[in-house]
Amino acid sequence: MSPAADPAGKRALFSGSDLPGAPNGSAGGKTALFSTSGRRLGTLVVECSHCGVRSRVDYADFVRRHLPLWAWIPGRKYSRLLTCPACERRTWLHVHWRG
């Protein structure tokens, strides 16, 4: 049986980028399991309750967005009243510390 006739067999298990429909340059195997490409040191992700956009901000920008007035209500999903980096409105944001 040729590799082209077996897209869901052994070839599908051991190669990530050769599969039909897989994006070019997609990581497979150990690289996909252990990569931290979505995380960056010194940043966090905030999600806006108004526009729904998730944005990555560094810690200094996060502190700056608290000014001049901010509120924090623990226990809520959107618990911080900040300025959204995407829509620039003062609204409730959800902070993903391990974004």
N, C-alpha and C. Protein backbone atom coordinates (compact mmCIF):
# COMPACT_ATOMS: atom_id res chain seq x y z
N MET A 1 0.86 -1.18 0.00
CA MET A 1 0.00 0.00 0.00
C MET A 1 0.90 1.23 0.00
N SER A 2 0.63 2.17 -0.85
CA SER A 2 1.46 3.38 -0.94
C SER A 2 1.06 4.38 0.14
N PRO A 3 1.99 5.30 0.51
CA PRO A 3 1.67 6.29 1.54
C PRO A 3 0.51 7.20 1.15
N ALA A 4 0.30 7.43 -0.14
CA ALA A 4 -0.80 8.29 -0.57
C ALA A 4 -2.15 7.61 -0.36
N ALA A 5 -2.16 6.28 -0.38
CA ALA A 5 -3.42 5.55 -0.21
C ALA A 5 -3.75 5.31 1.26
N ASP A 6 -2.86 5.72 2.17
CA ASP A 6 -3.06 5.47 3.60
C ASP A 6 -2.97 6.77 4.41
N PRO A 7 -3.86 7.78 4.17
CA PRO A 7 -3.75 9.06 4.87
C PRO A 7 -4.12 8.98 6.35
N ALA A 8 -4.85 7.97 6.78
CA ALA A 8 -5.25 7.89 8.19
C ALA A 8 -4.52 6.78 8.92
N GLY A 9 -3.49 6.19 8.30
CA GLY A 9 -2.77 5.08 8.94
C GLY A 9 -1.51 5.54 9.62
N LYS A 10 -0.43 4.78 9.41
CA LYS A 10 0.85 5.04 10.07
C LYS A 10 1.37 6.43 9.73
N ARG A 11 1.20 6.86 8.51
CA ARG A 11 1.66 8.18 8.09
C ARG A 11 0.94 9.29 8.86
N ALA A 12 -0.34 9.11 9.12
CA ALA A 12 -1.09 10.12 9.87
C ALA A 12 -0.64 10.19 11.32
N LEU A 13 -0.17 9.08 11.87
CA LEU A 13 0.27 9.08 13.25
C LEU A 13 1.61 9.79 13.46
N PHE A 14 2.50 9.67 12.48
CA PHE A 14 3.86 10.14 12.70
C PHE A 14 4.25 11.38 11.91
N SER A 15 3.35 11.96 11.18
CA SER A 15 3.68 13.21 10.49
C SER A 15 2.51 14.17 10.63
N GLY A 16 2.81 15.39 11.03
CA GLY A 16 1.75 16.37 11.23
C GLY A 16 1.56 17.28 10.05
N SER A 17 2.63 17.60 9.32
CA SER A 17 2.51 18.58 8.26
C SER A 17 2.20 17.96 6.91
N ASP A 18 2.29 16.63 6.77
CA ASP A 18 2.03 15.99 5.48
C ASP A 18 0.56 15.62 5.29
N LEU A 19 -0.25 15.81 6.29
CA LEU A 19 -1.65 15.43 6.19
C LEU A 19 -2.43 16.41 5.34
N PRO A 20 -3.41 15.93 4.62
CA PRO A 20 -4.25 16.85 3.86
C PRO A 20 -5.01 17.77 4.80
N GLY A 21 -4.99 19.05 4.51
CA GLY A 21 -5.71 20.03 5.32
C GLY A 21 -4.90 20.58 6.47
N ALA A 22 -3.72 20.04 6.74
CA ALA A 22 -2.87 20.58 7.81
C ALA A 22 -2.16 21.82 7.30
N PRO A 23 -2.07 22.87 8.11
CA PRO A 23 -1.39 24.07 7.67
C PRO A 23 0.09 23.81 7.46
N ASN A 24 0.68 24.51 6.51
CA ASN A 24 2.11 24.36 6.24
C ASN A 24 2.91 24.81 7.45
N GLY A 25 3.93 24.06 7.78
CA GLY A 25 4.77 24.42 8.90
C GLY A 25 4.17 24.08 10.25
N SER A 26 3.11 23.29 10.28
CA SER A 26 2.51 22.94 11.57
C SER A 26 3.43 21.99 12.31
N ALA A 27 3.53 22.17 13.61
CA ALA A 27 4.41 21.34 14.43
C ALA A 27 3.72 20.03 14.76
N GLY A 28 4.49 18.97 14.79
CA GLY A 28 3.94 17.67 15.13
C GLY A 28 4.81 16.98 16.15
N GLY A 29 4.33 15.89 16.73
CA GLY A 29 5.11 15.10 17.66
C GLY A 29 5.43 15.82 18.94
N LYS A 30 6.70 15.65 19.40
CA LYS A 30 7.13 16.27 20.65
C LYS A 30 7.05 17.78 20.58
N THR A 31 7.33 18.35 19.43
CA THR A 31 7.29 19.81 19.28
C THR A 31 5.90 20.35 19.60
N ALA A 32 4.87 19.68 19.13
CA ALA A 32 3.50 20.13 19.40
C ALA A 32 3.13 19.94 20.86
N LEU A 33 3.62 18.89 21.48
CA LEU A 33 3.28 18.63 22.88
C LEU A 33 3.96 19.58 23.85
N PHE A 34 5.21 19.90 23.60
CA PHE A 34 5.99 20.63 24.57
C PHE A 34 6.31 22.07 24.18
N SER A 35 5.76 22.54 23.10
CA SER A 35 6.07 23.92 22.68
C SER A 35 5.26 24.90 23.51
N THR A 36 5.84 26.06 23.75
CA THR A 36 5.17 27.14 24.48
C THR A 36 5.02 28.34 23.57
N SER A 37 4.72 28.10 22.31
CA SER A 37 4.67 29.18 21.33
C SER A 37 3.56 30.18 21.63
N GLY A 38 2.50 29.78 22.33
CA GLY A 38 1.41 30.69 22.65
C GLY A 38 1.71 31.59 23.83
N ARG A 39 2.68 31.23 24.64
CA ARG A 39 3.01 32.01 25.84
C ARG A 39 4.27 32.81 25.60
N ARG A 40 4.30 33.99 26.20
CA ARG A 40 5.51 34.81 26.18
C ARG A 40 5.79 35.28 27.59
N LEU A 41 7.03 35.25 27.98
CA LEU A 41 7.43 35.66 29.31
C LEU A 41 7.15 37.14 29.52
N GLY A 42 6.59 37.50 30.66
CA GLY A 42 6.34 38.90 30.97
C GLY A 42 5.06 39.46 30.38
N THR A 43 4.18 38.60 29.90
CA THR A 43 2.91 39.06 29.33
C THR A 43 1.75 38.28 29.92
N LEU A 44 0.56 38.81 29.73
CA LEU A 44 -0.67 38.13 30.09
C LEU A 44 -1.72 38.46 29.05
N VAL A 45 -2.81 37.72 29.06
CA VAL A 45 -3.87 37.91 28.07
C VAL A 45 -5.10 38.46 28.78
N VAL A 46 -5.69 39.51 28.20
CA VAL A 46 -6.94 40.07 28.73
C VAL A 46 -8.04 39.86 27.69
N GLU A 47 -9.22 39.53 28.17
CA GLU A 47 -10.38 39.29 27.31
C GLU A 47 -11.46 40.31 27.63
N CYS A 48 -11.93 41.03 26.63
CA CYS A 48 -12.90 42.10 26.81
C CYS A 48 -14.32 41.55 26.84
N SER A 49 -15.13 42.04 27.77
CA SER A 49 -16.53 41.62 27.84
C SER A 49 -17.38 42.34 26.80
N HIS A 50 -16.90 43.46 26.29
CA HIS A 50 -17.68 44.24 25.31
C HIS A 50 -17.45 43.74 23.89
N CYS A 51 -16.18 43.68 23.46
CA CYS A 51 -15.90 43.31 22.07
C CYS A 51 -15.51 41.83 21.93
N GLY A 52 -15.17 41.16 23.03
CA GLY A 52 -14.85 39.74 22.99
C GLY A 52 -13.45 39.41 22.48
N VAL A 53 -12.63 40.41 22.25
CA VAL A 53 -11.29 40.20 21.71
C VAL A 53 -10.33 39.86 22.84
N ARG A 54 -9.44 38.88 22.59
CA ARG A 54 -8.39 38.55 23.54
C ARG A 54 -7.11 39.22 23.06
N SER A 55 -6.49 40.02 23.94
CA SER A 55 -5.28 40.75 23.59
C SER A 55 -4.16 40.42 24.56
N ARG A 56 -2.94 40.37 24.05
CA ARG A 56 -1.77 40.12 24.89
C ARG A 56 -1.16 41.46 25.27
N VAL A 57 -0.95 41.68 26.56
CA VAL A 57 -0.34 42.91 27.06
C VAL A 57 0.79 42.54 28.02
N ASP A 58 1.80 43.41 28.10
CA ASP A 58 2.86 43.17 29.08
C ASP A 58 2.43 43.73 30.43
N TYR A 59 3.20 43.44 31.47
CA TYR A 59 2.82 43.83 32.82
C TYR A 59 2.75 45.34 33.00
N ALA A 60 3.67 46.07 32.37
CA ALA A 60 3.67 47.53 32.50
C ALA A 60 2.41 48.13 31.86
N ASP A 61 2.03 47.62 30.70
CA ASP A 61 0.82 48.10 30.04
C ASP A 61 -0.42 47.74 30.85
N PHE A 62 -0.41 46.56 31.48
CA PHE A 62 -1.52 46.14 32.32
C PHE A 62 -1.72 47.10 33.49
N VAL A 63 -0.63 47.50 34.12
CA VAL A 63 -0.70 48.46 35.24
C VAL A 63 -1.16 49.82 34.73
N ARG A 64 -0.67 50.26 33.57
CA ARG A 64 -1.06 51.54 33.00
C ARG A 64 -2.56 51.59 32.69
N ARG A 65 -3.11 50.49 32.25
CA ARG A 65 -4.54 50.44 31.91
C ARG A 65 -5.44 50.51 33.14
N HIS A 66 -4.89 50.31 34.33
CA HIS A 66 -5.65 50.46 35.57
C HIS A 66 -5.94 51.93 35.90
N LEU A 67 -5.11 52.83 35.41
CA LEU A 67 -5.20 54.24 35.79
C LEU A 67 -6.24 54.97 34.96
N PRO A 68 -6.87 56.00 35.41
CA PRO A 68 -6.78 56.65 36.70
C PRO A 68 -7.67 56.00 37.76
N LEU A 69 -8.60 55.15 37.34
CA LEU A 69 -9.53 54.53 38.28
C LEU A 69 -9.77 53.10 37.83
N TRP A 70 -9.77 52.18 38.78
CA TRP A 70 -10.04 50.80 38.43
C TRP A 70 -10.83 50.12 39.54
N ALA A 71 -11.44 49.01 39.20
CA ALA A 71 -12.19 48.22 40.18
C ALA A 71 -11.88 46.75 39.95
N TRP A 72 -11.94 45.99 41.05
CA TRP A 72 -11.72 44.55 40.97
C TRP A 72 -12.75 43.87 41.85
N ILE A 73 -13.52 42.97 41.26
CA ILE A 73 -14.53 42.22 42.00
C ILE A 73 -14.17 40.74 41.90
N PRO A 74 -13.59 40.16 42.94
CA PRO A 74 -13.21 38.74 42.89
C PRO A 74 -14.44 37.84 42.74
N GLY A 75 -14.24 36.72 42.06
CA GLY A 75 -15.31 35.75 41.88
C GLY A 75 -16.08 35.88 40.59
N ARG A 76 -15.92 36.96 39.88
CA ARG A 76 -16.59 37.14 38.58
C ARG A 76 -15.63 36.77 37.46
N LYS A 77 -16.16 36.33 36.32
CA LYS A 77 -15.30 36.04 35.19
C LYS A 77 -14.64 37.32 34.69
N TYR A 78 -15.43 38.32 34.39
CA TYR A 78 -14.90 39.62 33.97
C TYR A 78 -14.83 40.48 35.23
N SER A 79 -13.68 40.39 35.91
CA SER A 79 -13.61 40.93 37.25
C SER A 79 -12.88 42.27 37.37
N ARG A 80 -12.26 42.75 36.30
CA ARG A 80 -11.47 43.98 36.39
C ARG A 80 -11.99 45.04 35.44
N LEU A 81 -12.22 46.23 35.98
CA LEU A 81 -12.67 47.37 35.18
C LEU A 81 -11.43 48.11 34.68
N LEU A 82 -11.10 47.89 33.41
CA LEU A 82 -9.90 48.46 32.79
C LEU A 82 -10.24 49.00 31.41
N THR A 83 -9.25 49.60 30.77
CA THR A 83 -9.40 50.02 29.38
C THR A 83 -8.97 48.87 28.48
N CYS A 84 -9.83 48.48 27.58
CA CYS A 84 -9.56 47.37 26.67
C CYS A 84 -8.50 47.79 25.65
N PRO A 85 -7.48 46.96 25.40
CA PRO A 85 -6.48 47.31 24.40
C PRO A 85 -7.01 47.25 22.97
N ALA A 86 -8.07 46.48 22.71
CA ALA A 86 -8.60 46.35 21.36
C ALA A 86 -9.57 47.47 21.00
N CYS A 87 -10.57 47.69 21.84
CA CYS A 87 -11.61 48.69 21.51
C CYS A 87 -11.42 50.01 22.25
N GLU A 88 -10.44 50.08 23.15
CA GLU A 88 -10.11 51.30 23.91
C GLU A 88 -11.29 51.84 24.73
N ARG A 89 -12.20 50.97 25.13
CA ARG A 89 -13.31 51.36 26.01
C ARG A 89 -13.00 50.91 27.42
N ARG A 90 -13.47 51.64 28.39
CA ARG A 90 -13.35 51.22 29.79
C ARG A 90 -14.49 50.23 30.04
N THR A 91 -14.13 48.98 30.22
CA THR A 91 -15.11 47.91 30.37
C THR A 91 -14.54 46.82 31.26
N TRP A 92 -15.33 45.79 31.53
CA TRP A 92 -14.89 44.69 32.38
C TRP A 92 -14.07 43.72 31.56
N LEU A 93 -12.90 43.33 32.10
CA LEU A 93 -11.99 42.43 31.41
C LEU A 93 -11.72 41.19 32.26
N HIS A 94 -11.44 40.10 31.57
CA HIS A 94 -11.02 38.85 32.21
C HIS A 94 -9.52 38.70 31.97
N VAL A 95 -8.76 38.42 33.01
CA VAL A 95 -7.31 38.31 32.90
C VAL A 95 -6.92 36.83 32.90
N HIS A 96 -6.18 36.43 31.88
CA HIS A 96 -5.62 35.07 31.79
C HIS A 96 -4.16 35.19 32.15
N TRP A 97 -3.79 34.80 33.35
CA TRP A 97 -2.42 34.94 33.80
C TRP A 97 -1.49 33.97 33.10
N ARG A 98 -1.99 32.86 32.62
CA ARG A 98 -1.15 31.87 31.92
C ARG A 98 -1.57 31.77 30.47
N GLY A 99 -1.78 32.92 29.80
CA GLY A 99 -2.30 32.98 28.44
C GLY A 99 -1.43 32.43 27.45
